[in-house]
């Protein structure tokens, strides 16, 4: 844009205050840059012992809980390992159980002996 195109604008811009830069501008800028934490320091702060020890302890506890839940203790019996109810019969009741077995056996034989033409 030439001055002849818009003299009023150029006159207004000529009257505007010029920015004054401090003679210590470069020194102040470098001081601010040095005071700001660097990315490497920020990342290193996350991996400090103050945070790393509790986080690793928590991770160990969670892993242990998952293992304990998914792998039961070998001495613990599940319902699949328990013997049948018949095996838990008292010695006094052996005669009754033997009679029941004989009765059930005779019922199975009679089923096939019946006349199918009813």
PDB file of N, CA and C in Angstrom:
ATOM      1  N   UNK A   1       0.839  -1.166   0.000  1.00  0.00           N
ATOM      2  CA  UNK A   1       0.000   0.000   0.000  1.00  0.00           C
ATOM      3  C   UNK A   1       0.892   1.241   0.000  1.00  0.00           C
ATOM      4  N   UNK A   2       0.584   2.143  -0.850  1.00  0.00           N
ATOM      5  CA  UNK A   2       1.364   3.380  -0.970  1.00  0.00           C
ATOM      6  C   UNK A   2       0.717   4.455  -0.111  1.00  0.00           C
ATOM      7  N   UNK A   3       1.517   5.458   0.247  1.00  0.00           N
ATOM      8  CA  UNK A   3       1.018   6.552   1.077  1.00  0.00           C
ATOM      9  C   UNK A   3      -0.087   7.311   0.361  1.00  0.00           C
ATOM     10  N   UNK A   4      -0.020   7.398  -0.931  1.00  0.00           N
ATOM     11  CA  UNK A   4      -1.017   8.145  -1.684  1.00  0.00           C
ATOM     12  C   UNK A   4      -2.386   7.470  -1.659  1.00  0.00           C
ATOM     13  N   UNK A   5      -2.405   6.147  -1.442  1.00  0.00           N
ATOM     14  CA  UNK A   5      -3.677   5.429  -1.445  1.00  0.00           C
ATOM     15  C   UNK A   5      -4.567   5.838  -0.277  1.00  0.00           C
ATOM     16  N   UNK A   6      -3.989   6.010   0.918  1.00  0.00           N
ATOM     17  CA  UNK A   6      -4.795   6.354   2.095  1.00  0.00           C
ATOM     18  C   UNK A   6      -3.937   7.174   3.054  1.00  0.00           C
ATOM     19  N   UNK A   7      -3.932   8.495   2.845  1.00  0.00           N
ATOM     20  CA  UNK A   7      -3.081   9.379   3.645  1.00  0.00           C
ATOM     21  C   UNK A   7      -3.547   9.445   5.101  1.00  0.00           C
ATOM     22  N   UNK A   8      -4.822   9.363   5.339  1.00  0.00           N
ATOM     23  CA  UNK A   8      -5.337   9.437   6.718  1.00  0.00           C
ATOM     24  C   UNK A   8      -4.828   8.255   7.551  1.00  0.00           C
ATOM     25  N   UNK A   9      -4.820   7.076   6.955  1.00  0.00           N
ATOM     26  CA  UNK A   9      -4.326   5.898   7.676  1.00  0.00           C
ATOM     27  C   UNK A   9      -2.850   6.055   8.016  1.00  0.00           C
ATOM     28  N   UNK A  10      -2.081   6.537   7.046  1.00  0.00           N
ATOM     29  CA  UNK A  10      -0.647   6.681   7.293  1.00  0.00           C
ATOM     30  C   UNK A  10      -0.390   7.770   8.330  1.00  0.00           C
ATOM     31  N   UNK A  11      -1.173   8.819   8.348  1.00  0.00           N
ATOM     32  CA  UNK A  11      -1.026   9.864   9.368  1.00  0.00           C
ATOM     33  C   UNK A  11      -1.349   9.292  10.753  1.00  0.00           C
ATOM     34  N   UNK A  12      -2.410   8.500  10.816  1.00  0.00           N
ATOM     35  CA  UNK A  12      -2.792   7.870  12.103  1.00  0.00           C
ATOM     36  C   UNK A  12      -1.693   6.932  12.593  1.00  0.00           C
ATOM     37  N   UNK A  13      -1.153   6.128  11.690  1.00  0.00           N
ATOM     38  CA  UNK A  13      -0.079   5.209  12.073  1.00  0.00           C
ATOM     39  C   UNK A  13       1.182   5.967  12.486  1.00  0.00           C
ATOM     40  N   UNK A  14       1.426   7.095  11.885  1.00  0.00           N
ATOM     41  CA  UNK A  14       2.597   7.901  12.244  1.00  0.00           C
ATOM     42  C   UNK A  14       2.477   8.478  13.637  1.00  0.00           C
ATOM     43  N   UNK A  15       1.263   8.764  14.098  1.00  0.00           N
ATOM     44  CA  UNK A  15       1.054   9.320  15.441  1.00  0.00           C
ATOM     45  C   UNK A  15       1.034   8.259  16.531  1.00  0.00           C
ATOM     46  N   UNK A  16       0.934   6.987  16.192  1.00  0.00           N
ATOM     47  CA  UNK A  16       0.872   5.911  17.191  1.00  0.00           C
ATOM     48  C   UNK A  16       2.206   5.799  17.922  1.00  0.00           C
ATOM     49  N   UNK A  17       2.144   5.409  19.159  1.00  0.00           N
ATOM     50  CA  UNK A  17       3.357   5.291  19.981  1.00  0.00           C
ATOM     51  C   UNK A  17       4.192   4.107  19.500  1.00  0.00           C
ATOM     52  N   UNK A  18       5.454   4.316  19.445  1.00  0.00           N
ATOM     53  CA  UNK A  18       6.379   3.256  19.043  1.00  0.00           C
ATOM     54  C   UNK A  18       6.655   2.354  20.246  1.00  0.00           C
ATOM     55  N   UNK A  19       6.689   1.041  20.036  1.00  0.00           N
ATOM     56  CA  UNK A  19       6.974   0.159  21.160  1.00  0.00           C
ATOM     57  C   UNK A  19       8.423   0.337  21.612  1.00  0.00           C
ATOM     58  N   UNK A  20       8.573   0.367  22.921  1.00  0.00           N
ATOM     59  CA  UNK A  20       9.903   0.519  23.500  1.00  0.00           C
ATOM     60  C   UNK A  20      10.344  -0.826  24.050  1.00  0.00           C
ATOM     61  N   UNK A  21      11.453  -1.322  23.553  1.00  0.00           N
ATOM     62  CA  UNK A  21      11.994  -2.591  24.016  1.00  0.00           C
ATOM     63  C   UNK A  21      13.026  -2.291  25.080  1.00  0.00           C
ATOM     64  N   UNK A  22      12.932  -3.033  26.159  1.00  0.00           N
ATOM     65  CA  UNK A  22      13.855  -2.852  27.263  1.00  0.00           C
ATOM     66  C   UNK A  22      15.259  -3.255  26.819  1.00  0.00           C
ATOM     67  N   UNK A  23      16.266  -2.596  27.334  1.00  0.00           N
ATOM     68  CA  UNK A  23      17.625  -2.996  26.982  1.00  0.00           C
ATOM     69  C   UNK A  23      17.975  -4.382  27.538  1.00  0.00           C
ATOM     70  N   UNK A  24      17.208  -4.857  28.523  1.00  0.00           N
ATOM     71  CA  UNK A  24      17.459  -6.168  29.127  1.00  0.00           C
ATOM     72  C   UNK A  24      16.468  -7.227  28.629  1.00  0.00           C
ATOM     73  N   UNK A  25      15.873  -6.976  27.470  1.00  0.00           N
ATOM     74  CA  UNK A  25      14.860  -7.875  26.921  1.00  0.00           C
ATOM     75  C   UNK A  25      15.398  -9.297  26.725  1.00  0.00           C
ATOM     76  N   UNK A  26      16.541  -9.421  26.116  1.00  0.00           N
ATOM     77  CA  UNK A  26      17.121 -10.743  25.839  1.00  0.00           C
ATOM     78  C   UNK A  26      17.443 -11.466  27.146  1.00  0.00           C
ATOM     79  N   UNK A  27      18.007 -10.734  28.120  1.00  0.00           N
ATOM     80  CA  UNK A  27      18.349 -11.352  29.405  1.00  0.00           C
ATOM     81  C   UNK A  27      17.097 -11.826  30.126  1.00  0.00           C
ATOM     82  N   UNK A  28      16.032 -11.043  30.129  1.00  0.00           N
ATOM     83  CA  UNK A  28      14.781 -11.423  30.796  1.00  0.00           C
ATOM     84  C   UNK A  28      14.119 -12.611  30.103  1.00  0.00           C
ATOM     85  N   UNK A  29      14.182 -12.634  28.783  1.00  0.00           N
ATOM     86  CA  UNK A  29      13.607 -13.736  28.029  1.00  0.00           C
ATOM     87  C   UNK A  29      14.335 -15.047  28.340  1.00  0.00           C
ATOM     88  N   UNK A  30      15.639 -15.029  28.349  1.00  0.00           N
ATOM     89  CA  UNK A  30      16.425 -16.227  28.655  1.00  0.00           C
ATOM     90  C   UNK A  30      16.164 -16.686  30.089  1.00  0.00           C
ATOM     91  N   UNK A  31      16.021 -15.762  31.035  1.00  0.00           N
ATOM     92  CA  UNK A  31      15.737 -16.117  32.434  1.00  0.00           C
ATOM     93  C   UNK A  31      14.394 -16.835  32.540  1.00  0.00           C
ATOM     94  N   UNK A  32      13.374 -16.355  31.850  1.00  0.00           N
ATOM     95  CA  UNK A  32      12.054 -17.013  31.878  1.00  0.00           C
ATOM     96  C   UNK A  32      12.107 -18.403  31.263  1.00  0.00           C
ATOM     97  N   UNK A  33      12.844 -18.535  30.185  1.00  0.00           N
ATOM     98  CA  UNK A  33      12.960 -19.852  29.547  1.00  0.00           C
ATOM     99  C   UNK A  33      13.658 -20.850  30.467  1.00  0.00           C
ATOM    100  N   UNK A  34      14.656 -20.392  31.189  1.00  0.00           N
ATOM    101  CA  UNK A  34      15.361 -21.294  32.107  1.00  0.00           C
ATOM    102  C   UNK A  34      14.514 -21.659  33.315  1.00  0.00           C
ATOM    103  N   UNK A  35      13.602 -20.790  33.733  1.00  0.00           N
ATOM    104  CA  UNK A  35      12.767 -21.065  34.899  1.00  0.00           C
ATOM    105  C   UNK A  35      11.649 -22.054  34.586  1.00  0.00           C
ATOM    106  N   UNK A  36      11.218 -22.143  33.346  1.00  0.00           N
ATOM    107  CA  UNK A  36      10.165 -23.080  32.979  1.00  0.00           C
ATOM    108  C   UNK A  36      10.719 -24.498  32.994  1.00  0.00           C
ATOM    109  N   UNK A  37       9.944 -25.445  33.545  1.00  0.00           N
ATOM    110  CA  UNK A  37      10.433 -26.828  33.565  1.00  0.00           C
ATOM    111  C   UNK A  37      10.483 -27.395  32.157  1.00  0.00           C
ATOM    112  N   UNK A  38      11.503 -28.142  31.901  1.00  0.00           N
ATOM    113  CA  UNK A  38      11.646 -28.767  30.593  1.00  0.00           C
ATOM    114  C   UNK A  38      10.840 -30.048  30.552  1.00  0.00           C
ATOM    115  N   UNK A  39      10.576 -30.517  29.366  1.00  0.00           N
ATOM    116  CA  UNK A  39       9.771 -31.732  29.212  1.00  0.00           C
ATOM    117  C   UNK A  39      10.467 -32.934  29.837  1.00  0.00           C
ATOM    118  N   UNK A  40      11.763 -33.021  29.673  1.00  0.00           N
ATOM    119  CA  UNK A  40      12.494 -34.155  30.228  1.00  0.00           C
ATOM    120  C   UNK A  40      12.406 -34.162  31.753  1.00  0.00           C
ATOM    121  N   UNK A  41      12.488 -32.998  32.350  1.00  0.00           N
ATOM    122  CA  UNK A  41      12.379 -32.917  33.809  1.00  0.00           C
ATOM    123  C   UNK A  41      10.974 -33.288  34.263  1.00  0.00           C
ATOM    124  N   UNK A  42       9.972 -32.904  33.489  1.00  0.00           N
ATOM    125  CA  UNK A  42       8.595 -33.241  33.844  1.00  0.00           C
ATOM    126  C   UNK A  42       8.372 -34.747  33.766  1.00  0.00           C
ATOM    127  N   UNK A  43       8.874 -35.378  32.713  1.00  0.00           N
ATOM    128  CA  UNK A  43       8.738 -36.823  32.565  1.00  0.00           C
ATOM    129  C   UNK A  43       9.516 -37.531  33.659  1.00  0.00           C
ATOM    130  N   UNK A  44      10.702 -37.050  33.959  1.00  0.00           N
ATOM    131  CA  UNK A  44      11.521 -37.658  35.003  1.00  0.00           C
ATOM    132  C   UNK A  44      10.854 -37.516  36.373  1.00  0.00           C
ATOM    133  N   UNK A  45      10.136 -36.427  36.586  1.00  0.00           N
ATOM    134  CA  UNK A  45       9.446 -36.232  37.865  1.00  0.00           C
ATOM    135  C   UNK A  45       8.348 -37.277  38.050  1.00  0.00           C
ATOM    136  N   UNK A  46       7.699 -37.715  36.956  1.00  0.00           N
ATOM    137  CA  UNK A  46       6.665 -38.746  37.057  1.00  0.00           C
ATOM    138  C   UNK A  46       7.253 -40.081  37.467  1.00  0.00           C
ATOM    139  N   UNK A  47       8.496 -40.331  37.111  1.00  0.00           N
ATOM    140  CA  UNK A  47       9.141 -41.595  37.447  1.00  0.00           C
ATOM    141  C   UNK A  47      10.033 -41.476  38.667  1.00  0.00           C
ATOM    142  N   UNK A  48       9.747 -40.560  39.545  1.00  0.00           N
ATOM    143  CA  UNK A  48      10.535 -40.423  40.765  1.00  0.00           C
ATOM    144  C   UNK A  48      10.177 -41.559  41.723  1.00  0.00           C
ATOM    145  N   UNK A  49      11.044 -41.818  42.665  1.00  0.00           N
ATOM    146  CA  UNK A  49      10.804 -42.905  43.628  1.00  0.00           C
ATOM    147  C   UNK A  49       9.557 -42.658  44.458  1.00  0.00           C
ATOM    148  N   UNK A  50       9.256 -41.396  44.686  1.00  0.00           N
ATOM    149  CA  UNK A  50       8.072 -41.063  45.490  1.00  0.00           C
ATOM    150  C   UNK A  50       6.788 -41.579  44.848  1.00  0.00           C
ATOM    151  N   UNK A  51       6.735 -41.646  43.533  1.00  0.00           N
ATOM    152  CA  UNK A  51       5.551 -42.150  42.842  1.00  0.00           C
ATOM    153  C   UNK A  51       5.735 -43.581  42.351  1.00  0.00           C
ATOM    154  N   UNK A  52       6.960 -43.951  42.048  1.00  0.00           N
ATOM    155  CA  UNK A  52       7.217 -45.262  41.460  1.00  0.00           C
ATOM    156  C   UNK A  52       7.014 -46.395  42.462  1.00  0.00           C
ATOM    157  N   UNK A  53       7.402 -46.219  43.692  1.00  0.00           N
ATOM    158  CA  UNK A  53       7.273 -47.281  44.699  1.00  0.00           C
ATOM    159  C   UNK A  53       5.803 -47.586  45.016  1.00  0.00           C
ATOM    160  N   UNK A  54       4.956 -46.602  45.315  1.00  0.00           N
ATOM    161  CA  UNK A  54       3.540 -46.946  45.555  1.00  0.00           C
ATOM    162  C   UNK A  54       2.844 -47.515  44.321  1.00  0.00           C
ATOM    163  N   UNK A  55       3.174 -47.012  43.141  1.00  0.00           N
ATOM    164  CA  UNK A  55       2.534 -47.526  41.928  1.00  0.00           C
ATOM    165  C   UNK A  55       2.924 -48.973  41.678  1.00  0.00           C
ATOM    166  N   UNK A  56       4.192 -49.324  41.879  1.00  0.00           N
ATOM    167  CA  UNK A  56       4.607 -50.708  41.673  1.00  0.00           C
ATOM    168  C   UNK A  56       4.017 -51.610  42.757  1.00  0.00           C
ATOM    169  N   UNK A  57       3.894 -51.120  43.987  1.00  0.00           N
ATOM    170  CA  UNK A  57       3.252 -51.902  45.044  1.00  0.00           C
ATOM    171  C   UNK A  57       1.796 -52.188  44.718  1.00  0.00           C
ATOM    172  N   UNK A  58       1.102 -51.189  44.227  1.00  0.00           N
ATOM    173  CA  UNK A  58      -0.295 -51.372  43.839  1.00  0.00           C
ATOM    174  C   UNK A  58      -0.412 -52.371  42.688  1.00  0.00           C
ATOM    175  N   UNK A  59       0.489 -52.288  41.727  1.00  0.00           N
ATOM    176  CA  UNK A  59       0.461 -53.225  40.600  1.00  0.00           C
ATOM    177  C   UNK A  59       0.701 -54.656  41.084  1.00  0.00           C
ATOM    178  N   UNK A  60       1.589 -54.862  42.031  1.00  0.00           N
ATOM    179  CA  UNK A  60       1.869 -56.199  42.560  1.00  0.00           C
ATOM    180  C   UNK A  60       0.648 -56.746  43.286  1.00  0.00           C
ATOM    181  N   UNK A  61      -0.030 -55.906  44.059  1.00  0.00           N
ATOM    182  CA  UNK A  61      -1.229 -56.343  44.788  1.00  0.00           C
ATOM    183  C   UNK A  61      -2.338 -56.733  43.808  1.00  0.00           C
ATOM    184  N   UNK A  62      -2.532 -55.942  42.761  1.00  0.00           N
ATOM    185  CA  UNK A  62      -3.577 -56.246  41.780  1.00  0.00           C
ATOM    186  C   UNK A  62      -3.264 -57.546  41.052  1.00  0.00           C
ATOM    187  N   UNK A  63      -2.012 -57.742  40.650  1.00  0.00           N
ATOM    188  CA  UNK A  63      -1.622 -58.979  39.970  1.00  0.00           C
ATOM    189  C   UNK A  63      -1.805 -60.172  40.902  1.00  0.00           C
ATOM    190  N   UNK A  64      -1.432 -60.024  42.164  1.00  0.00           N
ATOM    191  CA  UNK A  64      -1.613 -61.112  43.132  1.00  0.00           C
ATOM    192  C   UNK A  64      -3.076 -61.454  43.336  1.00  0.00           C
ATOM    193  N   UNK A  65      -3.929 -60.438  43.391  1.00  0.00           N
ATOM    194  CA  UNK A  65      -5.365 -60.694  43.564  1.00  0.00           C
ATOM    195  C   UNK A  65      -5.940 -61.420  42.356  1.00  0.00           C
ATOM    196  N   UNK A  66      -5.523 -61.034  41.168  1.00  0.00           N
ATOM    197  CA  UNK A  66      -6.017 -61.692  39.958  1.00  0.00           C
ATOM    198  C   UNK A  66      -5.571 -63.150  39.936  1.00  0.00           C
ATOM    199  N   UNK A  67      -4.337 -63.405  40.298  1.00  0.00           N
ATOM    200  CA  UNK A  67      -3.835 -64.781  40.328  1.00  0.00           C
ATOM    201  C   UNK A  67      -4.573 -65.590  41.381  1.00  0.00           C
ATOM    202  N   UNK A  68      -4.810 -65.005  42.542  1.00  0.00           N
ATOM    203  CA  UNK A  68      -5.500 -65.731  43.615  1.00  0.00           C
ATOM    204  C   UNK A  68      -6.945 -66.054  43.236  1.00  0.00           C
ATOM    205  N   UNK A  69      -7.578 -65.188  42.506  1.00  0.00           N
ATOM    206  CA  UNK A  69      -8.964 -65.422  42.117  1.00  0.00           C
ATOM    207  C   UNK A  69      -9.054 -66.507  41.047  1.00  0.00           C
ATOM    208  N   UNK A  70      -8.150 -66.482  40.098  1.00  0.00           N
ATOM    209  CA  UNK A  70      -8.226 -67.417  38.975  1.00  0.00           C
ATOM    210  C   UNK A  70      -7.579 -68.768  39.249  1.00  0.00           C
ATOM    211  N   UNK A  71      -6.707 -68.865  40.222  1.00  0.00           N
ATOM    212  CA  UNK A  71      -6.041 -70.127  40.553  1.00  0.00           C
ATOM    213  C   UNK A  71      -6.259 -70.432  42.033  1.00  0.00           C
ATOM    214  N   UNK A  72      -7.256 -71.254  42.363  1.00  0.00           N
ATOM    215  CA  UNK A  72      -7.541 -71.531  43.772  1.00  0.00           C
ATOM    216  C   UNK A  72      -6.395 -72.325  44.419  1.00  0.00           C
ATOM    217  N   UNK A  73      -6.379 -72.313  45.729  1.00  0.00           N
ATOM    218  CA  UNK A  73      -5.350 -73.008  46.505  1.00  0.00           C
ATOM    219  C   UNK A  73      -5.490 -74.509  46.281  1.00  0.00           C
ATOM    220  N   UNK A  74      -4.377 -75.255  46.108  1.00  0.00           N
ATOM    221  CA  UNK A  74      -4.472 -76.686  45.830  1.00  0.00           C
ATOM    222  C   UNK A  74      -5.162 -77.479  46.939  1.00  0.00           C
ATOM    223  N   UNK A  75      -5.069 -77.085  48.191  1.00  0.00           N
ATOM    224  CA  UNK A  75      -5.704 -77.816  49.290  1.00  0.00           C
ATOM    225  C   UNK A  75      -7.199 -77.599  49.373  1.00  0.00           C
ATOM    226  N   UNK A  76      -7.702 -76.620  48.701  1.00  0.00           N
ATOM    227  CA  UNK A  76      -9.134 -76.297  48.742  1.00  0.00           C
ATOM    228  C   UNK A  76      -9.889 -77.226  47.800  1.00  0.00           C
ATOM    229  N   UNK A  77     -10.918 -77.908  48.334  1.00  0.00           N
ATOM    230  CA  UNK A  77     -11.710 -78.835  47.514  1.00  0.00           C
ATOM    231  C   UNK A  77     -12.902 -78.103  46.934  1.00  0.00           C
ATOM    232  N   UNK A  78     -13.135 -78.356  45.677  1.00  0.00           N
ATOM    233  CA  UNK A  78     -14.323 -77.799  45.044  1.00  0.00           C
ATOM    234  C   UNK A  78     -15.432 -78.836  45.094  1.00  0.00           C
ATOM    235  N   UNK A  79     -16.606 -78.489  44.646  1.00  0.00           N
ATOM    236  CA  UNK A  79     -17.745 -79.412  44.695  1.00  0.00           C
ATOM    237  C   UNK A  79     -17.514 -80.609  43.767  1.00  0.00           C
ATOM    238  N   UNK A  80     -16.687 -80.459  42.739  1.00  0.00           N
ATOM    239  CA  UNK A  80     -16.401 -81.574  41.837  1.00  0.00           C
ATOM    240  C   UNK A  80     -15.555 -82.640  42.527  1.00  0.00           C
ATOM    241  N   UNK A  81     -14.700 -82.219  43.476  1.00  0.00           N
ATOM    242  CA  UNK A  81     -13.819 -83.159  44.155  1.00  0.00           C
ATOM    243  C   UNK A  81     -14.515 -83.916  45.281  1.00  0.00           C
ATOM    244  N   UNK A  82     -15.658 -83.448  45.742  1.00  0.00           N
ATOM    245  CA  UNK A  82     -16.333 -84.090  46.866  1.00  0.00           C
ATOM    246  C   UNK A  82     -16.924 -85.441  46.434  1.00  0.00           C
ATOM    247  N   UNK A  83     -16.834 -86.456  47.290  1.00  0.00           N
ATOM    248  CA  UNK A  83     -17.387 -87.770  46.939  1.00  0.00           C
ATOM    249  C   UNK A  83     -18.917 -87.734  46.943  1.00  0.00           C
ATOM    250  N   UNK A  84     -19.504 -88.747  46.334  1.00  0.00           N
ATOM    251  CA  UNK A  84     -20.960 -88.835  46.266  1.00  0.00           C
ATOM    252  C   UNK A  84     -21.547 -89.033  47.658  1.00  0.00           C
ATOM    253  N   UNK A  85     -22.841 -88.798  47.773  1.00  0.00           N
ATOM    254  CA  UNK A  85     -23.535 -88.945  49.045  1.00  0.00           C
ATOM    255  C   UNK A  85     -23.531 -90.412  49.485  1.00  0.00           C
ATOM    256  N   UNK A  86     -23.571 -91.328  48.553  1.00  0.00           N
ATOM    257  CA  UNK A  86     -23.594 -92.748  48.900  1.00  0.00           C
ATOM    258  C   UNK A  86     -22.309 -93.139  49.605  1.00  0.00           C
ATOM    259  N   UNK A  87     -21.211 -92.512  49.245  1.00  0.00           N
ATOM    260  CA  UNK A  87     -19.932 -92.854  49.871  1.00  0.00           C
ATOM    261  C   UNK A  87     -19.857 -92.343  51.305  1.00  0.00           C
ATOM    262  N   UNK A  88     -20.723 -91.428  51.710  1.00  0.00           N
ATOM    263  CA  UNK A  88     -20.711 -90.875  53.056  1.00  0.00           C
ATOM    264  C   UNK A  88     -21.651 -91.627  54.008  1.00  0.00           C
ATOM    265  N   UNK A  89     -22.045 -92.821  53.671  1.00  0.00           N
ATOM    266  CA  UNK A  89     -23.007 -93.595  54.468  1.00  0.00           C
ATOM    267  C   UNK A  89     -22.312 -94.115  55.729  1.00  0.00           C
ATOM    268  N   UNK A  90     -23.023 -94.043  56.830  1.00  0.00           N
ATOM    269  CA  UNK A  90     -22.489 -94.573  58.088  1.00  0.00           C
ATOM    270  C   UNK A  90     -22.423 -96.098  58.004  1.00  0.00           C
ATOM    271  N   UNK A  91     -21.521 -96.709  58.745  1.00  0.00           N
ATOM    272  CA  UNK A  91     -21.429 -98.173  58.730  1.00  0.00           C
ATOM    273  C   UNK A  91     -22.720 -98.858  59.174  1.00  0.00           C
ATOM    274  N   UNK A  92     -23.537 -98.226  59.985  1.00  0.00           N
ATOM    275  CA  UNK A  92     -24.787 -98.822  60.458  1.00  0.00           C
ATOM    276  C   UNK A  92     -25.786 -98.979  59.314  1.00  0.00           C
ATOM    277  N   UNK A  93     -25.696 -98.124  58.330  1.00  0.00           N
ATOM    278  CA  UNK A  93     -26.693 -98.098  57.266  1.00  0.00           C
ATOM    279  C   UNK A  93     -26.313 -98.946  56.054  1.00  0.00           C
ATOM    280  N   UNK A  94     -25.242 -99.729  56.131  1.00  0.00           N
ATOM    281  CA  UNK A  94     -24.829-100.539  54.984  1.00  0.00           C
ATOM    282  C   UNK A  94     -25.891-101.562  54.582  1.00  0.00           C
ATOM    283  N   UNK A  95     -26.561-102.103  55.562  1.00  0.00           N
ATOM    284  CA  UNK A  95     -27.584-103.111  55.258  1.00  0.00           C
ATOM    285  C   UNK A  95     -28.752-102.491  54.487  1.00  0.00           C
ATOM    286  N   UNK A  96     -29.154-101.293  54.894  1.00  0.00           N
ATOM    287  CA  UNK A  96     -30.260-100.607  54.218  1.00  0.00           C
ATOM    288  C   UNK A  96     -29.858-100.270  52.787  1.00  0.00           C
ATOM    289  N   UNK A  97     -28.629 -99.801  52.609  1.00  0.00           N
ATOM    290  CA  UNK A  97     -28.154 -99.437  51.274  1.00  0.00           C
ATOM    291  C   UNK A  97     -28.073-100.678  50.395  1.00  0.00           C
ATOM    292  N   UNK A  98     -27.614-101.772  50.953  1.00  0.00           N
ATOM    293  CA  UNK A  98     -27.534-103.012  50.176  1.00  0.00           C
ATOM    294  C   UNK A  98     -28.933-103.470  49.757  1.00  0.00           C
ATOM    295  N   UNK A  99     -29.914-103.346  50.658  1.00  0.00           N
ATOM    296  CA  UNK A  99     -31.287-103.716  50.312  1.00  0.00           C
ATOM    297  C   UNK A  99     -31.839-102.804  49.222  1.00  0.00           C
ATOM    298  N   UNK A 100     -31.517-101.506  49.272  1.00  0.00           N
ATOM    299  CA  UNK A 100     -31.994-100.582  48.241  1.00  0.00           C
ATOM    300  C   UNK A 100     -31.368-100.907  46.890  1.00  0.00           C
ATOM    301  N   UNK A 101     -30.086-101.240  46.902  1.00  0.00           N
ATOM    302  CA  UNK A 101     -29.433-101.611  45.645  1.00  0.00           C
ATOM    303  C   UNK A 101     -30.085-102.856  45.042  1.00  0.00           C
ATOM    304  N   UNK A 102     -30.395-103.822  45.891  1.00  0.00           N
ATOM    305  CA  UNK A 102     -31.035-105.054  45.414  1.00  0.00           C
ATOM    306  C   UNK A 102     -32.427-104.752  44.864  1.00  0.00           C
ATOM    307  N   UNK A 103     -33.167-103.885  45.560  1.00  0.00           N
ATOM    308  CA  UNK A 103     -34.511-103.515  45.114  1.00  0.00           C
ATOM    309  C   UNK A 103     -34.467-102.784  43.767  1.00  0.00           C
ATOM    310  N   UNK A 104     -33.561-101.868  43.620  1.00  0.00           N
ATOM    311  CA  UNK A 104     -33.426-101.138  42.361  1.00  0.00           C
ATOM    312  C   UNK A 104     -33.018-102.078  41.235  1.00  0.00           C
ATOM    313  N   UNK A 105     -32.148-102.995  41.527  1.00  0.00           N
ATOM    314  CA  UNK A 105     -31.737-103.959  40.510  1.00  0.00           C
ATOM    315  C   UNK A 105     -32.892-104.825  40.063  1.00  0.00           C
ATOM    316  N   UNK A 106     -33.748-105.238  40.979  1.00  0.00           N
ATOM    317  CA  UNK A 106     -34.891-106.065  40.607  1.00  0.00           C
ATOM    318  C   UNK A 106     -35.911-105.265  39.809  1.00  0.00           C
ATOM    319  N   UNK A 107     -36.074-103.980  40.088  1.00  0.00           N
ATOM    320  CA  UNK A 107     -36.992-103.133  39.319  1.00  0.00           C
ATOM    321  C   UNK A 107     -36.523-102.991  37.881  1.00  0.00           C
ATOM    322  N   UNK A 108     -35.242-102.874  37.673  1.00  0.00           N
ATOM    323  CA  UNK A 108     -34.730-102.737  36.308  1.00  0.00           C
ATOM    324  C   UNK A 108     -34.971-104.017  35.519  1.00  0.00           C
ATOM    325  N   UNK A 109     -34.816-105.171  36.170  1.00  0.00           N
ATOM    326  CA  UNK A 109     -35.043-106.442  35.480  1.00  0.00           C
ATOM    327  C   UNK A 109     -36.527-106.621  35.152  1.00  0.00           C
ATOM    328  N   UNK A 110     -37.400-106.209  36.050  1.00  0.00           N
ATOM    329  CA  UNK A 110     -38.830-106.359  35.836  1.00  0.00           C
ATOM    330  C   UNK A 110     -39.340-105.481  34.706  1.00  0.00           C
ATOM    331  N   UNK A 111     -38.705-104.372  34.457  1.00  0.00           N
ATOM    332  CA  UNK A 111     -39.120-103.466  33.405  1.00  0.00           C
ATOM    333  C   UNK A 111     -39.072-104.156  32.056  1.00  0.00           C
ATOM    334  N   UNK A 112     -38.062-104.977  31.831  1.00  0.00           N
ATOM    335  CA  UNK A 112     -37.910-105.649  30.532  1.00  0.00           C
ATOM    336  C   UNK A 112     -38.758-106.919  30.458  1.00  0.00           C
ATOM    337  N   UNK A 113     -39.144-107.441  31.616  1.00  0.00           N
ATOM    338  CA  UNK A 113     -39.910-108.689  31.617  1.00  0.00           C
ATOM    339  C   UNK A 113     -41.402-108.474  31.409  1.00  0.00           C
ATOM    340  N   UNK A 114     -41.895-107.272  31.535  1.00  0.00           N
ATOM    341  CA  UNK A 114     -43.339-107.029  31.426  1.00  0.00           C
ATOM    342  C   UNK A 114     -43.825-107.296  30.002  1.00  0.00           C
ATOM    343  N   UNK A 115     -45.088-107.555  29.889  1.00  0.00           N
ATOM    344  CA  UNK A 115     -45.704-107.842  28.608  1.00  0.00           C
ATOM    345  C   UNK A 115     -45.912-106.546  27.845  1.00  0.00           C
ATOM    346  N   UNK A 116     -45.317-106.367  26.653  1.00  0.00           N
ATOM    347  CA  UNK A 116     -45.447-105.116  25.914  1.00  0.00           C
ATOM    348  C   UNK A 116     -46.783-104.981  25.215  1.00  0.00           C
ATOM    349  N   UNK A 117     -47.622-105.976  25.222  1.00  0.00           N
ATOM    350  CA  UNK A 117     -48.902-105.901  24.515  1.00  0.00           C
ATOM    351  C   UNK A 117     -50.024-105.511  25.459  1.00  0.00           C
ATOM    352  N   UNK A 118     -49.984-104.438  26.057  1.00  0.00           N
ATOM    353  CA  UNK A 118     -51.054-103.974  26.944  1.00  0.00           C
ATOM    354  C   UNK A 118     -52.012-103.100  26.277  1.00  0.00           C
TER     355      UNK A 118
END
